[in-house]
Amino acid sequence: MIRVGFFLFLLTAISCKFGNNKRQELIAEKVKENTTAYQQQKRETCLKDAFEVANKKVDSMLLEEARAASVFQVDSVYVEGYRPLKPAKPAIKEPKDTERVSKLFDIK
């Protein structure tokens, strides 16, 4: 009985010693997986933020360019939102035939 108990004690001590190394390897592997996942997530958020900032800058540049195009110079005065004047009304042309129009049917 003592031999069996000693054998079991020896077996568990050896298995714990070898199991500890395996456990450390698993912990190191999980830590590495978590750090790579965190780095990937951080990289994606940074790229997303960079795209948003770039998009805002491009939009503001395009708006500024459109505003600059809408500014018109009249007599050395810059007028923003220039709108051209209405054209003059054309002259009414007199008809060539000046006879009165008669009725088509003469009903009494």
C-alpha atoms as a PDB file:
ATOM      1  CA  MET A   1       0.000   0.000   0.000  1.00  0.00           C
ATOM      2  CA  ILE A   2       2.810   2.364   0.817  1.00  0.00           C
ATOM      3  CA  ARG A   3       4.466   1.542  -2.478  1.00  0.00           C
ATOM      4  CA  VAL A   4       1.278   2.358  -4.393  1.00  0.00           C
ATOM      5  CA  GLY A   5       0.857   5.658  -2.501  1.00  0.00           C
ATOM      6  CA  PHE A   6       4.489   6.581  -3.144  1.00  0.00           C
ATOM      7  CA  PHE A   7       4.109   5.643  -6.819  1.00  0.00           C
ATOM      8  CA  LEU A   8       0.963   7.815  -7.135  1.00  0.00           C
ATOM      9  CA  PHE A   9       2.708  10.696  -5.377  1.00  0.00           C
ATOM     10  CA  LEU A  10       5.707  10.384  -7.682  1.00  0.00           C
ATOM     11  CA  LEU A  11       3.462  10.184 -10.766  1.00  0.00           C
ATOM     12  CA  THR A  12       1.477  13.302  -9.809  1.00  0.00           C
ATOM     13  CA  ALA A  13       4.643  15.255  -9.020  1.00  0.00           C
ATOM     14  CA  ILE A  14       6.129  14.391 -12.419  1.00  0.00           C
ATOM     15  CA  SER A  15       2.892  15.158 -14.263  1.00  0.00           C
ATOM     16  CA  CYS A  16       2.565  18.525 -12.518  1.00  0.00           C
ATOM     17  CA  LYS A  17       6.127  19.389 -13.474  1.00  0.00           C
ATOM     18  CA  PHE A  18       5.542  18.586 -17.163  1.00  0.00           C
ATOM     19  CA  GLY A  19       2.040  20.071 -17.132  1.00  0.00           C
ATOM     20  CA  ASN A  20       3.370  23.395 -15.836  1.00  0.00           C
ATOM     21  CA  ASN A  21       5.546  23.889 -18.924  1.00  0.00           C
ATOM     22  CA  LYS A  22       2.631  23.069 -21.178  1.00  0.00           C
ATOM     23  CA  ARG A  23       0.459  25.506 -19.257  1.00  0.00           C
ATOM     24  CA  GLN A  24       3.059  28.266 -19.603  1.00  0.00           C
ATOM     25  CA  GLU A  25       3.212  27.631 -23.357  1.00  0.00           C
ATOM     26  CA  LEU A  26      -0.582  27.857 -23.618  1.00  0.00           C
ATOM     27  CA  ILE A  27      -0.606  31.092 -21.620  1.00  0.00           C
ATOM     28  CA  ALA A  28       2.119  32.569 -23.823  1.00  0.00           C
ATOM     29  CA  GLU A  29       0.241  31.527 -26.967  1.00  0.00           C
ATOM     30  CA  LYS A  30      -3.034  33.073 -25.724  1.00  0.00           C
ATOM     31  CA  VAL A  31      -1.251  36.283 -24.771  1.00  0.00           C
ATOM     32  CA  LYS A  32       0.309  36.477 -28.221  1.00  0.00           C
ATOM     33  CA  GLU A  33      -3.100  35.882 -29.895  1.00  0.00           C
ATOM     34  CA  ASN A  34      -4.722  38.576 -27.744  1.00  0.00           C
ATOM     35  CA  THR A  35      -1.979  41.116 -28.481  1.00  0.00           C
ATOM     36  CA  THR A  36      -2.167  40.498 -32.232  1.00  0.00           C
ATOM     37  CA  ALA A  37      -5.965  40.822 -32.130  1.00  0.00           C
ATOM     38  CA  TYR A  38      -5.653  44.083 -30.168  1.00  0.00           C
ATOM     39  CA  GLN A  39      -3.055  45.422 -32.601  1.00  0.00           C
ATOM     40  CA  GLN A  40      -5.284  44.546 -35.574  1.00  0.00           C
ATOM     41  CA  GLN A  41      -8.299  46.217 -33.968  1.00  0.00           C
ATOM     42  CA  LYS A  42      -6.256  49.313 -33.094  1.00  0.00           C
ATOM     43  CA  ARG A  43      -4.878  49.481 -36.645  1.00  0.00           C
ATOM     44  CA  GLU A  44      -8.406  49.298 -38.108  1.00  0.00           C
ATOM     45  CA  THR A  45      -9.709  52.063 -35.828  1.00  0.00           C
ATOM     46  CA  CYS A  46      -6.707  54.261 -36.640  1.00  0.00           C
ATOM     47  CA  LEU A  47      -7.238  53.751 -40.374  1.00  0.00           C
ATOM     48  CA  LYS A  48     -10.941  54.523 -40.016  1.00  0.00           C
ATOM     49  CA  ASP A  49     -10.169  57.724 -38.095  1.00  0.00           C
ATOM     50  CA  ALA A  50      -7.538  58.723 -40.658  1.00  0.00           C
ATOM     51  CA  PHE A  51     -10.007  58.202 -43.521  1.00  0.00           C
ATOM     52  CA  GLU A  52     -12.623  60.320 -41.735  1.00  0.00           C
ATOM     53  CA  VAL A  53     -10.157  63.163 -41.182  1.00  0.00           C
ATOM     54  CA  ALA A  54      -8.973  62.986 -44.793  1.00  0.00           C
ATOM     55  CA  ASN A  55     -12.576  62.951 -46.032  1.00  0.00           C
ATOM     56  CA  LYS A  56     -13.407  66.070 -43.984  1.00  0.00           C
ATOM     57  CA  LYS A  57     -10.343  67.876 -45.337  1.00  0.00           C
ATOM     58  CA  VAL A  58     -11.171  66.988 -48.937  1.00  0.00           C
ATOM     59  CA  ASP A  59     -14.803  68.034 -48.468  1.00  0.00           C
ATOM     60  CA  SER A  60     -13.782  71.369 -46.984  1.00  0.00           C
ATOM     61  CA  MET A  61     -11.314  71.933 -49.825  1.00  0.00           C
ATOM     62  CA  LEU A  62     -14.002  71.209 -52.424  1.00  0.00           C
ATOM     63  CA  LEU A  63     -16.465  73.543 -50.678  1.00  0.00           C
ATOM     64  CA  GLU A  64     -13.864  76.293 -50.518  1.00  0.00           C
ATOM     65  CA  GLU A  65     -13.120  75.829 -54.210  1.00  0.00           C
ATOM     66  CA  ALA A  66     -16.834  76.079 -55.041  1.00  0.00           C
ATOM     67  CA  ARG A  67     -17.194  79.220 -52.927  1.00  0.00           C
ATOM     68  CA  ALA A  68     -14.203  80.787 -54.659  1.00  0.00           C
ATOM     69  CA  ALA A  69     -15.800  80.047 -58.015  1.00  0.00           C
ATOM     70  CA  SER A  70     -19.047  81.716 -56.929  1.00  0.00           C
ATOM     71  CA  VAL A  71     -17.268  84.954 -56.009  1.00  0.00           C
ATOM     72  CA  PHE A  72     -17.421  87.344 -58.963  1.00  0.00           C
ATOM     73  CA  GLN A  73     -15.573  90.603 -59.400  1.00  0.00           C
ATOM     74  CA  VAL A  74     -17.678  93.590 -60.449  1.00  0.00           C
ATOM     75  CA  ASP A  75     -15.857  96.933 -60.706  1.00  0.00           C
ATOM     76  CA  SER A  76     -13.054  95.778 -58.409  1.00  0.00           C
ATOM     77  CA  VAL A  77     -15.608  94.734 -55.743  1.00  0.00           C
ATOM     78  CA  TYR A  78     -15.962  91.068 -54.943  1.00  0.00           C
ATOM     79  CA  VAL A  79     -19.575  89.958 -54.794  1.00  0.00           C
ATOM     80  CA  GLU A  80     -20.184  86.582 -53.224  1.00  0.00           C
ATOM     81  CA  GLY A  81     -22.942  84.433 -54.676  1.00  0.00           C
ATOM     82  CA  TYR A  82     -23.021  86.409 -57.901  1.00  0.00           C
ATOM     83  CA  ARG A  83     -26.280  86.109 -59.787  1.00  0.00           C
ATOM     84  CA  PRO A  84     -26.492  87.628 -63.253  1.00  0.00           C
ATOM     85  CA  LEU A  85     -29.069  90.300 -64.018  1.00  0.00           C
ATOM     86  CA  LYS A  86     -32.255  89.550 -65.933  1.00  0.00           C
ATOM     87  CA  PRO A  87     -32.023  90.270 -69.639  1.00  0.00           C
ATOM     88  CA  ALA A  88     -34.009  93.193 -71.072  1.00  0.00           C
ATOM     89  CA  LYS A  89     -37.476  92.450 -72.437  1.00  0.00           C
ATOM     90  CA  PRO A  90     -37.546  92.166 -76.198  1.00  0.00           C
ATOM     91  CA  ALA A  91     -39.492  94.738 -78.218  1.00  0.00           C
ATOM     92  CA  ILE A  92     -42.975  93.683 -79.340  1.00  0.00           C
ATOM     93  CA  LYS A  93     -43.081  93.213 -83.089  1.00  0.00           C
ATOM     94  CA  GLU A  94     -46.084  94.545 -84.986  1.00  0.00           C
ATOM     95  CA  PRO A  95     -47.834  92.005 -87.220  1.00  0.00           C
ATOM     96  CA  LYS A  96     -47.393  92.492 -90.955  1.00  0.00           C
ATOM     97  CA  ASP A  97     -51.092  92.019 -91.698  1.00  0.00           C
ATOM     98  CA  THR A  98     -53.102  94.851 -90.111  1.00  0.00           C
ATOM     99  CA  GLU A  99     -56.609  93.942 -91.372  1.00  0.00           C
ATOM    100  CA  ARG A 100     -59.332  93.228 -88.863  1.00  0.00           C
ATOM    101  CA  VAL A 101     -60.224  89.632 -88.337  1.00  0.00           C
ATOM    102  CA  SER A 102     -63.752  88.828 -89.555  1.00  0.00           C
ATOM    103  CA  LYS A 103     -66.073  86.164 -88.240  1.00  0.00           C
ATOM    104  CA  LEU A 104     -65.813  82.742 -89.720  1.00  0.00           C
ATOM    105  CA  PHE A 105     -69.566  82.052 -89.750  1.00  0.00           C
ATOM    106  CA  ASP A 106     -72.096  84.810 -90.122  1.00  0.00           C
ATOM    107  CA  ILE A 107     -75.125  83.640 -88.143  1.00  0.00           C
ATOM    108  CA  LYS A 108     -78.172  85.859 -87.803  1.00  0.00           C
END
